[in-house]
Amino acid sequence: MHAILTEGRGHRPLIRFDDGRVGIPVNLHFLSRHDFLSVLGRQVEVVSRLSDLHYTVRLPGAPEHLQSHPSA
């Protein structure tokens, strides 16, 4: 499953599915606002659903320092 990386209120990273649903990518950690903006609008691969709103995702083709980090 895939979704698009978007931005919510308070500059929070979100993902938006084709049907309009939104979710929170719990494992993406950006070092700076610039890092986040550099991948905003890119497609992410949804790896797993942790709850109704929380997802583990992968950002294909992104620089290594922007890749998903394992959830704790």
N, C-alpha and C. Protein backbone atom coordinates (compact mmCIF):
# COMPACT_ATOMS: atom_id res chain seq x y z
N MET A 1 0.86 -1.17 0.00
CA MET A 1 0.00 0.00 0.00
C MET A 1 0.90 1.23 0.00
N HIS A 2 0.45 2.29 -0.67
CA HIS A 2 1.22 3.52 -0.76
C HIS A 2 0.38 4.71 -0.32
N ALA A 3 1.06 5.79 0.06
CA ALA A 3 0.42 7.04 0.45
C ALA A 3 1.39 8.18 0.11
N ILE A 4 0.91 9.39 0.21
CA ILE A 4 1.72 10.58 -0.08
C ILE A 4 2.06 11.28 1.23
N LEU A 5 3.32 11.69 1.38
CA LEU A 5 3.75 12.43 2.56
C LEU A 5 3.24 13.87 2.48
N THR A 6 2.48 14.28 3.48
CA THR A 6 1.92 15.63 3.52
C THR A 6 2.25 16.28 4.86
N GLU A 7 1.73 17.46 5.04
CA GLU A 7 1.99 18.21 6.28
C GLU A 7 0.68 18.62 6.92
N GLY A 8 0.57 18.36 8.21
CA GLY A 8 -0.62 18.73 8.95
C GLY A 8 -0.42 20.01 9.74
N ARG A 9 -1.40 20.30 10.56
CA ARG A 9 -1.30 21.47 11.43
C ARG A 9 -0.07 21.35 12.32
N GLY A 10 0.56 22.46 12.60
CA GLY A 10 1.75 22.45 13.43
C GLY A 10 2.93 21.80 12.74
N HIS A 11 2.90 21.73 11.42
CA HIS A 11 3.99 21.17 10.61
C HIS A 11 4.24 19.70 10.89
N ARG A 12 3.21 18.99 11.34
CA ARG A 12 3.36 17.57 11.65
C ARG A 12 3.34 16.73 10.37
N PRO A 13 4.30 15.82 10.20
CA PRO A 13 4.27 14.94 9.03
C PRO A 13 3.05 14.02 9.08
N LEU A 14 2.34 13.93 7.97
CA LEU A 14 1.20 13.04 7.82
C LEU A 14 1.34 12.29 6.51
N ILE A 15 0.56 11.23 6.37
CA ILE A 15 0.44 10.58 5.07
C ILE A 15 -1.03 10.63 4.65
N ARG A 16 -1.24 10.79 3.34
CA ARG A 16 -2.60 10.85 2.80
C ARG A 16 -2.76 9.72 1.78
N PHE A 17 -3.79 8.91 2.01
CA PHE A 17 -4.09 7.81 1.09
C PHE A 17 -4.94 8.32 -0.06
N ASP A 18 -5.02 7.52 -1.13
CA ASP A 18 -5.79 7.91 -2.32
C ASP A 18 -7.25 8.20 -2.01
N ASP A 19 -7.81 7.52 -1.01
CA ASP A 19 -9.22 7.72 -0.67
C ASP A 19 -9.47 8.90 0.27
N GLY A 20 -8.41 9.66 0.59
CA GLY A 20 -8.56 10.85 1.43
C GLY A 20 -8.25 10.64 2.90
N ARG A 21 -8.14 9.38 3.34
CA ARG A 21 -7.78 9.13 4.74
C ARG A 21 -6.38 9.65 5.02
N VAL A 22 -6.15 10.05 6.26
CA VAL A 22 -4.81 10.47 6.66
C VAL A 22 -4.30 9.59 7.79
N GLY A 23 -3.00 9.54 7.94
CA GLY A 23 -2.37 8.78 8.99
C GLY A 23 -1.10 9.47 9.44
N ILE A 24 -0.53 8.95 10.50
CA ILE A 24 0.69 9.51 11.07
C ILE A 24 1.82 8.50 10.87
N PRO A 25 2.90 8.92 10.18
CA PRO A 25 4.05 8.02 10.02
C PRO A 25 4.90 8.05 11.28
N VAL A 26 4.76 7.06 12.12
CA VAL A 26 5.38 7.11 13.45
C VAL A 26 6.88 6.89 13.43
N ASN A 27 7.44 6.40 12.34
CA ASN A 27 8.85 6.06 12.35
C ASN A 27 9.72 6.95 11.47
N LEU A 28 9.18 8.00 10.88
CA LEU A 28 10.01 8.92 10.11
C LEU A 28 10.52 10.01 11.03
N HIS A 29 11.83 10.16 11.07
CA HIS A 29 12.45 11.16 11.94
C HIS A 29 13.33 12.06 11.08
N PHE A 30 12.97 13.31 10.98
CA PHE A 30 13.71 14.25 10.15
C PHE A 30 14.65 15.06 11.01
N LEU A 31 15.87 15.28 10.50
CA LEU A 31 16.87 16.02 11.25
C LEU A 31 16.61 17.52 11.21
N SER A 32 15.92 17.98 10.19
CA SER A 32 15.66 19.42 10.06
C SER A 32 14.38 19.64 9.26
N ARG A 33 13.87 20.84 9.31
CA ARG A 33 12.70 21.20 8.51
C ARG A 33 13.04 21.08 7.02
N HIS A 34 14.24 21.44 6.66
CA HIS A 34 14.68 21.34 5.27
C HIS A 34 14.61 19.89 4.78
N ASP A 35 15.04 18.94 5.62
CA ASP A 35 14.95 17.52 5.25
C ASP A 35 13.50 17.13 4.97
N PHE A 36 12.60 17.56 5.84
CA PHE A 36 11.18 17.24 5.64
C PHE A 36 10.66 17.86 4.35
N LEU A 37 10.95 19.13 4.14
CA LEU A 37 10.45 19.81 2.94
C LEU A 37 11.02 19.19 1.66
N SER A 38 12.22 18.62 1.75
CA SER A 38 12.83 18.03 0.56
C SER A 38 12.11 16.76 0.10
N VAL A 39 11.31 16.15 0.97
CA VAL A 39 10.59 14.93 0.59
C VAL A 39 9.07 15.09 0.66
N LEU A 40 8.59 16.27 1.03
CA LEU A 40 7.16 16.55 1.07
C LEU A 40 6.54 16.28 -0.30
N GLY A 41 5.43 15.58 -0.32
CA GLY A 41 4.75 15.26 -1.57
C GLY A 41 5.22 13.97 -2.21
N ARG A 42 6.23 13.32 -1.63
CA ARG A 42 6.71 12.06 -2.17
C ARG A 42 5.86 10.90 -1.71
N GLN A 43 5.87 9.85 -2.50
CA GLN A 43 5.12 8.65 -2.15
C GLN A 43 5.91 7.82 -1.14
N VAL A 44 5.21 7.31 -0.15
CA VAL A 44 5.81 6.41 0.83
C VAL A 44 5.13 5.05 0.71
N GLU A 45 5.86 4.02 1.08
CA GLU A 45 5.31 2.68 1.13
C GLU A 45 4.86 2.39 2.56
N VAL A 46 3.61 2.03 2.74
CA VAL A 46 3.09 1.70 4.07
C VAL A 46 3.49 0.26 4.36
N VAL A 47 4.31 0.08 5.40
CA VAL A 47 4.84 -1.23 5.75
C VAL A 47 3.91 -1.95 6.71
N SER A 48 3.38 -1.23 7.70
CA SER A 48 2.46 -1.85 8.64
C SER A 48 1.56 -0.80 9.27
N ARG A 49 0.44 -1.26 9.76
CA ARG A 49 -0.53 -0.40 10.46
C ARG A 49 -0.43 -0.72 11.94
N LEU A 50 -0.08 0.28 12.73
CA LEU A 50 0.10 0.07 14.16
C LEU A 50 -1.18 0.33 14.94
N SER A 51 -2.03 1.23 14.43
CA SER A 51 -3.33 1.54 15.03
C SER A 51 -4.17 2.20 13.94
N ASP A 52 -5.32 2.74 14.31
CA ASP A 52 -6.20 3.38 13.31
C ASP A 52 -5.52 4.52 12.56
N LEU A 53 -4.64 5.26 13.23
CA LEU A 53 -4.00 6.41 12.60
C LEU A 53 -2.50 6.28 12.42
N HIS A 54 -1.87 5.33 13.07
CA HIS A 54 -0.41 5.26 13.11
C HIS A 54 0.12 4.15 12.21
N TYR A 55 1.09 4.52 11.37
CA TYR A 55 1.64 3.60 10.38
C TYR A 55 3.16 3.63 10.38
N THR A 56 3.74 2.48 10.08
CA THR A 56 5.17 2.41 9.80
C THR A 56 5.30 2.51 8.29
N VAL A 57 6.16 3.40 7.82
CA VAL A 57 6.30 3.62 6.38
C VAL A 57 7.77 3.59 5.98
N ARG A 58 7.98 3.44 4.68
CA ARG A 58 9.32 3.50 4.10
C ARG A 58 9.30 4.57 3.02
N LEU A 59 10.36 5.34 2.94
CA LEU A 59 10.48 6.41 1.96
C LEU A 59 11.46 5.95 0.87
N PRO A 60 10.98 5.26 -0.16
CA PRO A 60 11.87 4.69 -1.17
C PRO A 60 12.71 5.74 -1.87
N GLY A 61 13.98 5.43 -2.07
CA GLY A 61 14.86 6.30 -2.83
C GLY A 61 15.35 7.53 -2.10
N ALA A 62 15.01 7.71 -0.85
CA ALA A 62 15.46 8.89 -0.10
C ALA A 62 16.89 8.68 0.37
N PRO A 63 17.62 9.78 0.61
CA PRO A 63 18.96 9.63 1.18
C PRO A 63 18.89 8.84 2.48
N GLU A 64 19.95 8.13 2.80
CA GLU A 64 19.93 7.23 3.95
C GLU A 64 19.53 7.93 5.25
N HIS A 65 19.96 9.17 5.45
CA HIS A 65 19.64 9.84 6.72
C HIS A 65 18.16 10.22 6.81
N LEU A 66 17.41 10.07 5.70
CA LEU A 66 15.97 10.34 5.75
C LEU A 66 15.14 9.06 5.74
N GLN A 67 15.79 7.92 5.68
CA GLN A 67 15.06 6.66 5.66
C GLN A 67 14.37 6.41 6.98
N SER A 68 13.39 5.53 6.94
CA SER A 68 12.65 5.17 8.13
C SER A 68 13.58 4.55 9.16
N HIS A 69 13.29 4.82 10.41
CA HIS A 69 14.02 4.22 11.52
C HIS A 69 13.09 3.25 12.21
N PRO A 70 13.60 2.11 12.67
CA PRO A 70 12.73 1.14 13.35
C PRO A 70 12.03 1.77 14.55
N SER A 71 10.79 1.40 14.73
CA SER A 71 10.04 1.89 15.90
C SER A 71 10.61 1.25 17.15
N ALA A 72 10.55 1.99 18.23
CA ALA A 72 11.08 1.47 19.49
C ALA A 72 10.08 0.55 20.13
